């Protein structure tokens, strides 16, 4: 029985780590309340391109580049079971989760990949 104790401790540690990552994930209703209000916020891609994002309560969204890089666009958003989905004009829908990543910082994730960082 003592040989099982380290194995059980390792399983508990791994399960706890997963739970803490999930705890940082915003629920769809919280995403809507925090971001989809018509108030602009900033999004930055992993390569450093910044946009002013505005997600309206009616399901419409816009993005405007903050600098010279990036393009202006518009589209629509919906909430999903785990987060939200966007469809930019001329593109197909993509779905994301939003994870708290610091004070006034959230990581936009597609699976395990970082797509952008939102700040307010």
PDB file of N, CA and C in Angstrom:
ATOM      1  N   UNK A   1       0.799  -1.188   0.000  1.00  0.00           N
ATOM      2  CA  UNK A   1       0.000   0.000   0.000  1.00  0.00           C
ATOM      3  C   UNK A   1       0.852   1.267   0.000  1.00  0.00           C
ATOM      4  N   UNK A   2       1.981   1.353   0.744  1.00  0.00           N
ATOM      5  CA  UNK A   2       2.804   2.556   0.711  1.00  0.00           C
ATOM      6  C   UNK A   2       3.312   2.888  -0.691  1.00  0.00           C
ATOM      7  N   UNK A   3       3.524   1.925  -1.561  1.00  0.00           N
ATOM      8  CA  UNK A   3       3.998   2.212  -2.917  1.00  0.00           C
ATOM      9  C   UNK A   3       2.952   2.984  -3.712  1.00  0.00           C
ATOM     10  N   UNK A   4       1.694   2.850  -3.360  1.00  0.00           N
ATOM     11  CA  UNK A   4       0.631   3.555  -4.075  1.00  0.00           C
ATOM     12  C   UNK A   4       0.524   5.029  -3.674  1.00  0.00           C
ATOM     13  N   UNK A   5       1.006   5.377  -2.522  1.00  0.00           N
ATOM     14  CA  UNK A   5       0.861   6.742  -2.039  1.00  0.00           C
ATOM     15  C   UNK A   5       1.517   7.753  -2.989  1.00  0.00           C
ATOM     16  N   UNK A   6       2.781   7.570  -3.438  1.00  0.00           N
ATOM     17  CA  UNK A   6       3.353   8.542  -4.389  1.00  0.00           C
ATOM     18  C   UNK A   6       2.554   8.629  -5.693  1.00  0.00           C
ATOM     19  N   UNK A   7       2.062   7.511  -6.182  1.00  0.00           N
ATOM     20  CA  UNK A   7       1.285   7.525  -7.422  1.00  0.00           C
ATOM     21  C   UNK A   7      -0.010   8.306  -7.230  1.00  0.00           C
ATOM     22  N   UNK A   8      -0.682   8.110  -6.104  1.00  0.00           N
ATOM     23  CA  UNK A   8      -1.915   8.849  -5.836  1.00  0.00           C
ATOM     24  C   UNK A   8      -1.637  10.333  -5.668  1.00  0.00           C
ATOM     25  N   UNK A   9      -0.516  10.671  -5.041  1.00  0.00           N
ATOM     26  CA  UNK A   9      -0.147  12.074  -4.869  1.00  0.00           C
ATOM     27  C   UNK A   9       0.106  12.725  -6.232  1.00  0.00           C
ATOM     28  N   UNK A  10       0.756  12.012  -7.139  1.00  0.00           N
ATOM     29  CA  UNK A  10       1.027  12.542  -8.478  1.00  0.00           C
ATOM     30  C   UNK A  10      -0.278  12.769  -9.240  1.00  0.00           C
ATOM     31  N   UNK A  11      -1.204  11.843  -9.130  1.00  0.00           N
ATOM     32  CA  UNK A  11      -2.496  11.988  -9.804  1.00  0.00           C
ATOM     33  C   UNK A  11      -3.237  13.200  -9.250  1.00  0.00           C
ATOM     34  N   UNK A  12      -3.217  13.370  -7.929  1.00  0.00           N
ATOM     35  CA  UNK A  12      -3.890  14.512  -7.314  1.00  0.00           C
ATOM     36  C   UNK A  12      -3.261  15.827  -7.768  1.00  0.00           C
ATOM     37  N   UNK A  13      -1.935  15.870  -7.891  1.00  0.00           N
ATOM     38  CA  UNK A  13      -1.245  17.075  -8.334  1.00  0.00           C
ATOM     39  C   UNK A  13      -1.628  17.418  -9.768  1.00  0.00           C
ATOM     40  N   UNK A  14      -1.631  16.423 -10.636  1.00  0.00           N
ATOM     41  CA  UNK A  14      -1.999  16.649 -12.038  1.00  0.00           C
ATOM     42  C   UNK A  14      -3.443  17.108 -12.139  1.00  0.00           C
ATOM     43  N   UNK A  15      -4.345  16.480 -11.416  1.00  0.00           N
ATOM     44  CA  UNK A  15      -5.755  16.865 -11.443  1.00  0.00           C
ATOM     45  C   UNK A  15      -5.930  18.283 -10.919  1.00  0.00           C
ATOM     46  N   UNK A  16      -5.205  18.646  -9.875  1.00  0.00           N
ATOM     47  CA  UNK A  16      -5.287  19.992  -9.316  1.00  0.00           C
ATOM     48  C   UNK A  16      -4.792  21.041 -10.279  1.00  0.00           C
ATOM     49  N   UNK A  17      -3.742  20.748 -11.031  1.00  0.00           N
ATOM     50  CA  UNK A  17      -3.211  21.687 -12.014  1.00  0.00           C
ATOM     51  C   UNK A  17      -4.231  21.937 -13.108  1.00  0.00           C
ATOM     52  N   UNK A  18      -4.864  20.881 -13.593  1.00  0.00           N
ATOM     53  CA  UNK A  18      -5.899  21.037 -14.615  1.00  0.00           C
ATOM     54  C   UNK A  18      -7.069  21.838 -14.109  1.00  0.00           C
ATOM     55  N   UNK A  19      -7.436  21.625 -12.866  1.00  0.00           N
ATOM     56  CA  UNK A  19      -8.550  22.363 -12.282  1.00  0.00           C
ATOM     57  C   UNK A  19      -8.212  23.835 -12.166  1.00  0.00           C
ATOM     58  N   UNK A  20      -6.958  24.163 -11.819  1.00  0.00           N
ATOM     59  CA  UNK A  20      -6.600  25.577 -11.689  1.00  0.00           C
ATOM     60  C   UNK A  20      -6.601  26.265 -13.050  1.00  0.00           C
ATOM     61  N   UNK A  21      -6.210  25.579 -14.114  1.00  0.00           N
ATOM     62  CA  UNK A  21      -6.273  26.167 -15.447  1.00  0.00           C
ATOM     63  C   UNK A  21      -7.725  26.388 -15.845  1.00  0.00           C
ATOM     64  N   UNK A  22      -8.574  25.398 -15.560  1.00  0.00           N
ATOM     65  CA  UNK A  22      -9.986  25.531 -15.882  1.00  0.00           C
ATOM     66  C   UNK A  22     -10.622  26.646 -15.060  1.00  0.00           C
ATOM     67  N   UNK A  23     -10.146  26.850 -13.836  1.00  0.00           N
ATOM     68  CA  UNK A  23     -10.701  27.896 -12.980  1.00  0.00           C
ATOM     69  C   UNK A  23     -10.453  29.272 -13.568  1.00  0.00           C
ATOM     70  N   UNK A  24      -9.390  29.453 -14.338  1.00  0.00           N
ATOM     71  CA  UNK A  24      -9.090  30.739 -14.954  1.00  0.00           C
ATOM     72  C   UNK A  24      -9.881  31.000 -16.217  1.00  0.00           C
ATOM     73  N   UNK A  25     -10.568  29.984 -16.717  1.00  0.00           N
ATOM     74  CA  UNK A  25     -11.352  30.130 -17.947  1.00  0.00           C
ATOM     75  C   UNK A  25     -12.656  30.858 -17.645  1.00  0.00           C
ATOM     76  N   UNK A  26     -12.990  31.845 -18.455  1.00  0.00           N
ATOM     77  CA  UNK A  26     -14.235  32.575 -18.267  1.00  0.00           C
ATOM     78  C   UNK A  26     -15.389  31.802 -18.878  1.00  0.00           C
ATOM     79  N   UNK A  27     -16.488  31.777 -18.169  1.00  0.00           N
ATOM     80  CA  UNK A  27     -17.721  31.171 -18.679  1.00  0.00           C
ATOM     81  C   UNK A  27     -18.277  32.069 -19.780  1.00  0.00           C
ATOM     82  N   UNK A  28     -19.019  31.495 -20.728  1.00  0.00           N
ATOM     83  CA  UNK A  28     -19.578  32.309 -21.814  1.00  0.00           C
ATOM     84  C   UNK A  28     -20.357  33.537 -21.323  1.00  0.00           C
ATOM     85  N   UNK A  29     -21.163  33.385 -20.288  1.00  0.00           N
ATOM     86  CA  UNK A  29     -21.935  34.528 -19.772  1.00  0.00           C
ATOM     87  C   UNK A  29     -21.009  35.620 -19.231  1.00  0.00           C
ATOM     88  N   UNK A  30     -19.887  35.222 -18.620  1.00  0.00           N
ATOM     89  CA  UNK A  30     -18.922  36.200 -18.103  1.00  0.00           C
ATOM     90  C   UNK A  30     -18.195  36.918 -19.240  1.00  0.00           C
ATOM     91  N   UNK A  31     -17.926  36.210 -20.322  1.00  0.00           N
ATOM     92  CA  UNK A  31     -17.304  36.831 -21.495  1.00  0.00           C
ATOM     93  C   UNK A  31     -18.233  37.911 -22.044  1.00  0.00           C
ATOM     94  N   UNK A  32     -19.508  37.565 -22.155  1.00  0.00           N
ATOM     95  CA  UNK A  32     -20.490  38.519 -22.680  1.00  0.00           C
ATOM     96  C   UNK A  32     -20.566  39.758 -21.794  1.00  0.00           C
ATOM     97  N   UNK A  33     -20.635  39.558 -20.491  1.00  0.00           N
ATOM     98  CA  UNK A  33     -20.743  40.678 -19.551  1.00  0.00           C
ATOM     99  C   UNK A  33     -19.494  41.555 -19.558  1.00  0.00           C
ATOM    100  N   UNK A  34     -18.324  40.940 -19.670  1.00  0.00           N
ATOM    101  CA  UNK A  34     -17.067  41.688 -19.590  1.00  0.00           C
ATOM    102  C   UNK A  34     -16.666  42.350 -20.904  1.00  0.00           C
ATOM    103  N   UNK A  35     -16.958  41.723 -22.040  1.00  0.00           N
ATOM    104  CA  UNK A  35     -16.407  42.201 -23.308  1.00  0.00           C
ATOM    105  C   UNK A  35     -17.426  42.540 -24.387  1.00  0.00           C
ATOM    106  N   UNK A  36     -18.571  41.903 -24.384  1.00  0.00           N
ATOM    107  CA  UNK A  36     -19.503  42.061 -25.499  1.00  0.00           C
ATOM    108  C   UNK A  36     -20.581  43.082 -25.168  1.00  0.00           C
ATOM    109  N   UNK A  37     -20.127  44.297 -24.821  1.00  0.00           N
ATOM    110  CA  UNK A  37     -21.004  45.360 -24.342  1.00  0.00           C
ATOM    111  C   UNK A  37     -21.009  46.591 -25.240  1.00  0.00           C
ATOM    112  N   UNK A  38     -20.209  46.576 -26.284  1.00  0.00           N
ATOM    113  CA  UNK A  38     -20.081  47.753 -27.140  1.00  0.00           C
ATOM    114  C   UNK A  38     -18.943  48.670 -26.727  1.00  0.00           C
ATOM    115  N   UNK A  39     -18.272  48.360 -25.610  1.00  0.00           N
ATOM    116  CA  UNK A  39     -17.131  49.155 -25.154  1.00  0.00           C
ATOM    117  C   UNK A  39     -15.846  48.602 -25.782  1.00  0.00           C
ATOM    118  N   UNK A  40     -15.003  49.443 -26.375  1.00  0.00           N
ATOM    119  CA  UNK A  40     -13.784  48.945 -27.022  1.00  0.00           C
ATOM    120  C   UNK A  40     -12.745  48.449 -26.014  1.00  0.00           C
ATOM    121  N   UNK A  41     -11.932  47.507 -26.477  1.00  0.00           N
ATOM    122  CA  UNK A  41     -10.793  47.000 -25.718  1.00  0.00           C
ATOM    123  C   UNK A  41      -9.694  46.691 -26.721  1.00  0.00           C
ATOM    124  N   UNK A  42      -8.517  46.342 -26.235  1.00  0.00           N
ATOM    125  CA  UNK A  42      -7.373  46.093 -27.120  1.00  0.00           C
ATOM    126  C   UNK A  42      -7.097  44.603 -27.232  1.00  0.00           C
ATOM    127  N   UNK A  43      -6.797  44.165 -28.438  1.00  0.00           N
ATOM    128  CA  UNK A  43      -6.358  42.796 -28.703  1.00  0.00           C
ATOM    129  C   UNK A  43      -4.988  42.870 -29.358  1.00  0.00           C
ATOM    130  N   UNK A  44      -4.088  41.987 -28.941  1.00  0.00           N
ATOM    131  CA  UNK A  44      -2.754  41.907 -29.550  1.00  0.00           C
ATOM    132  C   UNK A  44      -2.506  40.472 -29.985  1.00  0.00           C
ATOM    133  N   UNK A  45      -2.045  40.304 -31.216  1.00  0.00           N
ATOM    134  CA  UNK A  45      -1.708  38.981 -31.711  1.00  0.00           C
ATOM    135  C   UNK A  45      -0.369  38.548 -31.110  1.00  0.00           C
ATOM    136  N   UNK A  46      -0.044  37.246 -31.170  1.00  0.00           N
ATOM    137  CA  UNK A  46       1.267  36.809 -30.679  1.00  0.00           C
ATOM    138  C   UNK A  46       2.444  37.510 -31.378  1.00  0.00           C
ATOM    139  N   UNK A  47       2.241  37.992 -32.608  1.00  0.00           N
ATOM    140  CA  UNK A  47       3.309  38.694 -33.321  1.00  0.00           C
ATOM    141  C   UNK A  47       3.341  40.190 -33.005  1.00  0.00           C
ATOM    142  N   UNK A  48       2.429  40.660 -32.128  1.00  0.00           N
ATOM    143  CA  UNK A  48       2.465  42.046 -31.683  1.00  0.00           C
ATOM    144  C   UNK A  48       1.571  43.018 -32.424  1.00  0.00           C
ATOM    145  N   UNK A  49       0.764  42.554 -33.373  1.00  0.00           N
ATOM    146  CA  UNK A  49      -0.163  43.442 -34.071  1.00  0.00           C
ATOM    147  C   UNK A  49      -1.326  43.747 -33.123  1.00  0.00           C
ATOM    148  N   UNK A  50      -1.646  45.044 -32.969  1.00  0.00           N
ATOM    149  CA  UNK A  50      -2.700  45.441 -32.037  1.00  0.00           C
ATOM    150  C   UNK A  50      -3.925  45.978 -32.772  1.00  0.00           C
ATOM    151  N   UNK A  51      -5.090  45.680 -32.178  1.00  0.00           N
ATOM    152  CA  UNK A  51      -6.363  46.122 -32.724  1.00  0.00           C
ATOM    153  C   UNK A  51      -7.231  46.712 -31.620  1.00  0.00           C
ATOM    154  N   UNK A  52      -8.064  47.680 -31.991  1.00  0.00           N
ATOM    155  CA  UNK A  52      -9.143  48.136 -31.124  1.00  0.00           C
ATOM    156  C   UNK A  52     -10.346  47.283 -31.498  1.00  0.00           C
ATOM    157  N   UNK A  53     -10.836  46.512 -30.542  1.00  0.00           N
ATOM    158  CA  UNK A  53     -11.948  45.597 -30.773  1.00  0.00           C
ATOM    159  C   UNK A  53     -13.207  46.158 -30.132  1.00  0.00           C
ATOM    160  N   UNK A  54     -14.333  46.010 -30.831  1.00  0.00           N
ATOM    161  CA  UNK A  54     -15.623  46.390 -30.260  1.00  0.00           C
ATOM    162  C   UNK A  54     -16.615  45.287 -30.596  1.00  0.00           C
ATOM    163  N   UNK A  55     -17.128  44.649 -29.542  1.00  0.00           N
ATOM    164  CA  UNK A  55     -18.140  43.604 -29.680  1.00  0.00           C
ATOM    165  C   UNK A  55     -19.443  44.162 -29.109  1.00  0.00           C
ATOM    166  N   UNK A  56     -20.434  44.381 -29.959  1.00  0.00           N
ATOM    167  CA  UNK A  56     -21.707  44.942 -29.528  1.00  0.00           C
ATOM    168  C   UNK A  56     -22.617  43.843 -28.980  1.00  0.00           C
ATOM    169  N   UNK A  57     -23.539  44.232 -28.115  1.00  0.00           N
ATOM    170  CA  UNK A  57     -24.466  43.276 -27.503  1.00  0.00           C
ATOM    171  C   UNK A  57     -25.366  42.605 -28.540  1.00  0.00           C
ATOM    172  N   UNK A  58     -25.537  43.218 -29.714  1.00  0.00           N
ATOM    173  CA  UNK A  58     -26.418  42.652 -30.743  1.00  0.00           C
ATOM    174  C   UNK A  58     -25.755  41.583 -31.600  1.00  0.00           C
ATOM    175  N   UNK A  59     -24.511  41.185 -31.266  1.00  0.00           N
ATOM    176  CA  UNK A  59     -23.834  40.125 -32.002  1.00  0.00           C
ATOM    177  C   UNK A  59     -22.929  40.610 -33.121  1.00  0.00           C
ATOM    178  N   UNK A  60     -22.772  41.907 -33.271  1.00  0.00           N
ATOM    179  CA  UNK A  60     -21.874  42.452 -34.294  1.00  0.00           C
ATOM    180  C   UNK A  60     -20.557  42.845 -33.650  1.00  0.00           C
ATOM    181  N   UNK A  61     -19.481  42.844 -34.447  1.00  0.00           N
ATOM    182  CA  UNK A  61     -18.159  43.203 -33.935  1.00  0.00           C
ATOM    183  C   UNK A  61     -17.362  43.904 -35.017  1.00  0.00           C
ATOM    184  N   UNK A  62     -16.399  44.722 -34.564  1.00  0.00           N
ATOM    185  CA  UNK A  62     -15.480  45.396 -35.475  1.00  0.00           C
ATOM    186  C   UNK A  62     -14.082  45.351 -34.886  1.00  0.00           C
ATOM    187  N   UNK A  63     -13.112  45.473 -35.764  1.00  0.00           N
ATOM    188  CA  UNK A  63     -11.719  45.620 -35.332  1.00  0.00           C
ATOM    189  C   UNK A  63     -11.068  46.670 -36.207  1.00  0.00           C
ATOM    190  N   UNK A  64     -10.245  47.488 -35.555  1.00  0.00           N
ATOM    191  CA  UNK A  64      -9.493  48.524 -36.250  1.00  0.00           C
ATOM    192  C   UNK A  64      -8.048  48.418 -35.806  1.00  0.00           C
ATOM    193  N   UNK A  65      -7.106  48.426 -36.745  1.00  0.00           N
ATOM    194  CA  UNK A  65      -5.696  48.351 -36.341  1.00  0.00           C
ATOM    195  C   UNK A  65      -5.302  49.582 -35.530  1.00  0.00           C
ATOM    196  N   UNK A  66      -4.477  49.361 -34.523  1.00  0.00           N
ATOM    197  CA  UNK A  66      -3.972  50.463 -33.707  1.00  0.00           C
ATOM    198  C   UNK A  66      -2.767  51.102 -34.387  1.00  0.00           C
ATOM    199  N   UNK A  67      -1.958  50.313 -35.062  1.00  0.00           N
ATOM    200  CA  UNK A  67      -0.802  50.825 -35.796  1.00  0.00           C
ATOM    201  C   UNK A  67      -1.004  50.656 -37.288  1.00  0.00           C
ATOM    202  N   UNK A  68       0.108  50.561 -37.998  1.00  0.00           N
ATOM    203  CA  UNK A  68       0.048  50.408 -39.459  1.00  0.00           C
ATOM    204  C   UNK A  68      -0.244  48.976 -39.903  1.00  0.00           C
ATOM    205  N   UNK A  69       0.081  48.010 -39.063  1.00  0.00           N
ATOM    206  CA  UNK A  69      -0.130  46.599 -39.433  1.00  0.00           C
ATOM    207  C   UNK A  69      -1.577  46.192 -39.138  1.00  0.00           C
ATOM    208  N   UNK A  70      -2.047  45.212 -39.888  1.00  0.00           N
ATOM    209  CA  UNK A  70      -3.395  44.686 -39.672  1.00  0.00           C
ATOM    210  C   UNK A  70      -4.422  45.423 -40.496  1.00  0.00           C
ATOM    211  N   UNK A  71      -5.578  44.788 -40.615  1.00  0.00           N
ATOM    212  CA  UNK A  71      -6.641  45.373 -41.416  1.00  0.00           C
ATOM    213  C   UNK A  71      -7.917  45.568 -40.618  1.00  0.00           C
ATOM    214  N   UNK A  72      -8.698  46.533 -41.049  1.00  0.00           N
ATOM    215  CA  UNK A  72     -10.001  46.804 -40.451  1.00  0.00           C
ATOM    216  C   UNK A  72     -10.975  45.743 -40.950  1.00  0.00           C
ATOM    217  N   UNK A  73     -11.891  45.308 -40.068  1.00  0.00           N
ATOM    218  CA  UNK A  73     -12.862  44.301 -40.481  1.00  0.00           C
ATOM    219  C   UNK A  73     -14.084  44.362 -39.582  1.00  0.00           C
ATOM    220  N   UNK A  74     -15.109  43.658 -40.007  1.00  0.00           N
ATOM    221  CA  UNK A  74     -16.330  43.535 -39.217  1.00  0.00           C
ATOM    222  C   UNK A  74     -16.840  42.110 -39.336  1.00  0.00           C
ATOM    223  N   UNK A  75     -17.684  41.729 -38.406  1.00  0.00           N
ATOM    224  CA  UNK A  75     -18.224  40.381 -38.418  1.00  0.00           C
ATOM    225  C   UNK A  75     -19.269  40.207 -37.339  1.00  0.00           C
ATOM    226  N   UNK A  76     -19.474  38.950 -36.964  1.00  0.00           N
ATOM    227  CA  UNK A  76     -20.469  38.624 -35.942  1.00  0.00           C
ATOM    228  C   UNK A  76     -19.867  37.680 -34.917  1.00  0.00           C
ATOM    229  N   UNK A  77     -20.455  37.674 -33.722  1.00  0.00           N
ATOM    230  CA  UNK A  77     -20.027  36.781 -32.650  1.00  0.00           C
ATOM    231  C   UNK A  77     -21.247  36.065 -32.073  1.00  0.00           C
ATOM    232  N   UNK A  78     -20.999  34.887 -31.511  1.00  0.00           N
ATOM    233  CA  UNK A  78     -22.003  34.144 -30.746  1.00  0.00           C
ATOM    234  C   UNK A  78     -21.299  33.486 -29.574  1.00  0.00           C
ATOM    235  N   UNK A  79     -22.058  33.212 -28.535  1.00  0.00           N
ATOM    236  CA  UNK A  79     -21.512  32.438 -27.433  1.00  0.00           C
ATOM    237  C   UNK A  79     -21.581  30.964 -27.790  1.00  0.00           C
ATOM    238  N   UNK A  80     -20.640  30.187 -27.285  1.00  0.00           N
ATOM    239  CA  UNK A  80     -20.635  28.739 -27.482  1.00  0.00           C
ATOM    240  C   UNK A  80     -20.710  28.067 -26.116  1.00  0.00           C
ATOM    241  N   UNK A  81     -20.680  26.767 -26.106  1.00  0.00           N
ATOM    242  CA  UNK A  81     -20.749  26.012 -24.854  1.00  0.00           C
ATOM    243  C   UNK A  81     -19.575  26.345 -23.936  1.00  0.00           C
ATOM    244  N   UNK A  82     -18.381  26.519 -24.508  1.00  0.00           N
ATOM    245  CA  UNK A  82     -17.175  26.730 -23.710  1.00  0.00           C
ATOM    246  C   UNK A  82     -16.608  28.143 -23.789  1.00  0.00           C
ATOM    247  N   UNK A  83     -17.140  28.978 -24.657  1.00  0.00           N
ATOM    248  CA  UNK A  83     -16.574  30.307 -24.831  1.00  0.00           C
ATOM    249  C   UNK A  83     -17.368  31.116 -25.830  1.00  0.00           C
ATOM    250  N   UNK A  84     -16.726  31.438 -26.961  1.00  0.00           N
ATOM    251  CA  UNK A  84     -17.395  32.236 -27.989  1.00  0.00           C
ATOM    252  C   UNK A  84     -16.849  31.882 -29.360  1.00  0.00           C
ATOM    253  N   UNK A  85     -17.634  32.237 -30.389  1.00  0.00           N
ATOM    254  CA  UNK A  85     -17.235  32.010 -31.777  1.00  0.00           C
ATOM    255  C   UNK A  85     -17.348  33.332 -32.526  1.00  0.00           C
ATOM    256  N   UNK A  86     -16.453  33.541 -33.489  1.00  0.00           N
ATOM    257  CA  UNK A  86     -16.488  34.734 -34.325  1.00  0.00           C
ATOM    258  C   UNK A  86     -16.488  34.335 -35.791  1.00  0.00           C
ATOM    259  N   UNK A  87     -17.122  35.172 -36.583  1.00  0.00           N
ATOM    260  CA  UNK A  87     -17.084  35.028 -38.038  1.00  0.00           C
ATOM    261  C   UNK A  87     -16.787  36.401 -38.610  1.00  0.00           C
ATOM    262  N   UNK A  88     -15.543  36.593 -39.072  1.00  0.00           N
ATOM    263  CA  UNK A  88     -15.162  37.858 -39.702  1.00  0.00           C
ATOM    264  C   UNK A  88     -15.603  37.834 -41.154  1.00  0.00           C
ATOM    265  N   UNK A  89     -15.937  38.977 -41.709  1.00  0.00           N
ATOM    266  CA  UNK A  89     -16.383  39.102 -43.095  1.00  0.00           C
ATOM    267  C   UNK A  89     -15.398  38.387 -44.019  1.00  0.00           C
ATOM    268  N   UNK A  90     -15.901  37.469 -44.839  1.00  0.00           N
ATOM    269  CA  UNK A  90     -15.064  36.739 -45.778  1.00  0.00           C
ATOM    270  C   UNK A  90     -14.353  35.541 -45.182  1.00  0.00           C
ATOM    271  N   UNK A  91     -14.614  35.201 -43.912  1.00  0.00           N
ATOM    272  CA  UNK A  91     -13.951  34.069 -43.254  1.00  0.00           C
ATOM    273  C   UNK A  91     -14.977  33.113 -42.662  1.00  0.00           C
ATOM    274  N   UNK A  92     -14.502  31.931 -42.320  1.00  0.00           N
ATOM    275  CA  UNK A  92     -15.356  30.960 -41.658  1.00  0.00           C
ATOM    276  C   UNK A  92     -15.344  31.188 -40.157  1.00  0.00           C
ATOM    277  N   UNK A  93     -16.311  30.595 -39.473  1.00  0.00           N
ATOM    278  CA  UNK A  93     -16.412  30.739 -38.015  1.00  0.00           C
ATOM    279  C   UNK A  93     -15.253  30.027 -37.321  1.00  0.00           C
ATOM    280  N   UNK A  94     -14.782  30.619 -36.229  1.00  0.00           N
ATOM    281  CA  UNK A  94     -13.776  30.022 -35.355  1.00  0.00           C
ATOM    282  C   UNK A  94     -14.249  30.201 -33.925  1.00  0.00           C
ATOM    283  N   UNK A  95     -13.988  29.193 -33.086  1.00  0.00           N
ATOM    284  CA  UNK A  95     -14.427  29.246 -31.698  1.00  0.00           C
ATOM    285  C   UNK A  95     -13.229  29.247 -30.761  1.00  0.00           C
ATOM    286  N   UNK A  96     -13.391  29.942 -29.626  1.00  0.00           N
ATOM    287  CA  UNK A  96     -12.306  30.185 -28.694  1.00  0.00           C
ATOM    288  C   UNK A  96     -12.768  30.052 -27.252  1.00  0.00           C
ATOM    289  N   UNK A  97     -11.813  29.910 -26.365  1.00  0.00           N
ATOM    290  CA  UNK A  97     -12.041  30.079 -24.939  1.00  0.00           C
ATOM    291  C   UNK A  97     -11.240  31.295 -24.511  1.00  0.00           C
ATOM    292  N   UNK A  98     -11.613  31.852 -23.368  1.00  0.00           N
ATOM    293  CA  UNK A  98     -10.942  33.035 -22.846  1.00  0.00           C
ATOM    294  C   UNK A  98     -10.471  32.710 -21.434  1.00  0.00           C
ATOM    295  N   UNK A  99      -9.164  32.876 -21.196  1.00  0.00           N
ATOM    296  CA  UNK A  99      -8.549  32.497 -19.926  1.00  0.00           C
ATOM    297  C   UNK A  99      -7.886  33.723 -19.306  1.00  0.00           C
ATOM    298  N   UNK A 100      -8.185  33.977 -18.046  1.00  0.00           N
ATOM    299  CA  UNK A 100      -7.544  35.074 -17.324  1.00  0.00           C
ATOM    300  C   UNK A 100      -6.039  34.807 -17.275  1.00  0.00           C
ATOM    301  N   UNK A 101      -5.239  35.826 -17.616  1.00  0.00           N
ATOM    302  CA  UNK A 101      -3.784  35.640 -17.639  1.00  0.00           C
ATOM    303  C   UNK A 101      -3.048  36.783 -16.954  1.00  0.00           C
ATOM    304  N   UNK A 102      -3.695  37.394 -15.985  1.00  0.00           N
ATOM    305  CA  UNK A 102      -3.083  38.489 -15.242  1.00  0.00           C
ATOM    306  C   UNK A 102      -4.091  39.588 -15.021  1.00  0.00           C
ATOM    307  N   UNK A 103      -3.658  40.640 -14.348  1.00  0.00           N
ATOM    308  CA  UNK A 103      -4.562  41.749 -14.076  1.00  0.00           C
ATOM    309  C   UNK A 103      -4.929  42.454 -15.373  1.00  0.00           C
ATOM    310  N   UNK A 104      -6.225  42.474 -15.667  1.00  0.00           N
ATOM    311  CA  UNK A 104      -6.755  43.100 -16.892  1.00  0.00           C
ATOM    312  C   UNK A 104      -6.156  42.518 -18.163  1.00  0.00           C
ATOM    313  N   UNK A 105      -5.841  41.215 -18.144  1.00  0.00           N
ATOM    314  CA  UNK A 105      -5.283  40.486 -19.301  1.00  0.00           C
ATOM    315  C   UNK A 105      -5.991  39.146 -19.431  1.00  0.00           C
ATOM    316  N   UNK A 106      -6.364  38.808 -20.660  1.00  0.00           N
ATOM    317  CA  UNK A 106      -7.015  37.538 -20.938  1.00  0.00           C
ATOM    318  C   UNK A 106      -6.421  36.942 -22.203  1.00  0.00           C
ATOM    319  N   UNK A 107      -6.170  35.647 -22.188  1.00  0.00           N
ATOM    320  CA  UNK A 107      -5.640  34.941 -23.355  1.00  0.00           C
ATOM    321  C   UNK A 107      -6.794  34.336 -24.140  1.00  0.00           C
ATOM    322  N   UNK A 108      -6.820  34.617 -25.433  1.00  0.00           N
ATOM    323  CA  UNK A 108      -7.801  34.032 -26.337  1.00  0.00           C
ATOM    324  C   UNK A 108      -7.171  32.755 -26.873  1.00  0.00           C
ATOM    325  N   UNK A 109      -7.778  31.618 -26.548  1.00  0.00           N
ATOM    326  CA  UNK A 109      -7.206  30.314 -26.881  1.00  0.00           C
ATOM    327  C   UNK A 109      -8.072  29.579 -27.895  1.00  0.00           C
ATOM    328  N   UNK A 110      -7.417  28.939 -28.849  1.00  0.00           N
ATOM    329  CA  UNK A 110      -8.083  28.016 -29.771  1.00  0.00           C
ATOM    330  C   UNK A 110      -7.416  26.678 -29.519  1.00  0.00           C
ATOM    331  N   UNK A 111      -8.114  25.805 -28.786  1.00  0.00           N
ATOM    332  CA  UNK A 111      -7.467  24.579 -28.302  1.00  0.00           C
ATOM    333  C   UNK A 111      -6.384  24.987 -27.331  1.00  0.00           C
ATOM    334  N   UNK A 112      -5.158  24.514 -27.574  1.00  0.00           N
ATOM    335  CA  UNK A 112      -4.038  24.886 -26.696  1.00  0.00           C
ATOM    336  C   UNK A 112      -3.208  26.035 -27.270  1.00  0.00           C
ATOM    337  N   UNK A 113      -3.641  26.579 -28.409  1.00  0.00           N
ATOM    338  CA  UNK A 113      -2.892  27.648 -29.070  1.00  0.00           C
ATOM    339  C   UNK A 113      -3.357  29.037 -28.690  1.00  0.00           C
ATOM    340  N   UNK A 114      -2.404  29.910 -28.388  1.00  0.00           N
ATOM    341  CA  UNK A 114      -2.701  31.313 -28.089  1.00  0.00           C
ATOM    342  C   UNK A 114      -2.943  32.063 -29.379  1.00  0.00           C
ATOM    343  N   UNK A 115      -4.123  32.684 -29.479  1.00  0.00           N
ATOM    344  CA  UNK A 115      -4.468  33.426 -30.675  1.00  0.00           C
ATOM    345  C   UNK A 115      -4.313  34.938 -30.497  1.00  0.00           C
ATOM    346  N   UNK A 116      -4.561  35.409 -29.268  1.00  0.00           N
ATOM    347  CA  UNK A 116      -4.452  36.850 -28.983  1.00  0.00           C
ATOM    348  C   UNK A 116      -4.474  37.060 -27.473  1.00  0.00           C
ATOM    349  N   UNK A 117      -4.135  38.273 -27.077  1.00  0.00           N
ATOM    350  CA  UNK A 117      -4.251  38.684 -25.685  1.00  0.00           C
ATOM    351  C   UNK A 117      -5.126  39.923 -25.674  1.00  0.00           C
ATOM    352  N   UNK A 118      -6.191  39.885 -24.856  1.00  0.00           N
ATOM    353  CA  UNK A 118      -7.089  41.018 -24.719  1.00  0.00           C
ATOM    354  C   UNK A 118      -6.712  41.775 -23.449  1.00  0.00           C
ATOM    355  N   UNK A 119      -6.738  43.099 -23.520  1.00  0.00           N
ATOM    356  CA  UNK A 119      -6.490  43.943 -22.342  1.00  0.00           C
ATOM    357  C   UNK A 119      -7.544  45.045 -22.300  1.00  0.00           C
ATOM    358  N   UNK A 120      -7.804  45.493 -21.071  1.00  0.00           N
ATOM    359  CA  UNK A 120      -8.710  46.622 -20.871  1.00  0.00           C
ATOM    360  C   UNK A 120      -8.069  47.577 -19.899  1.00  0.00           C
TER     361      UNK A 120
END
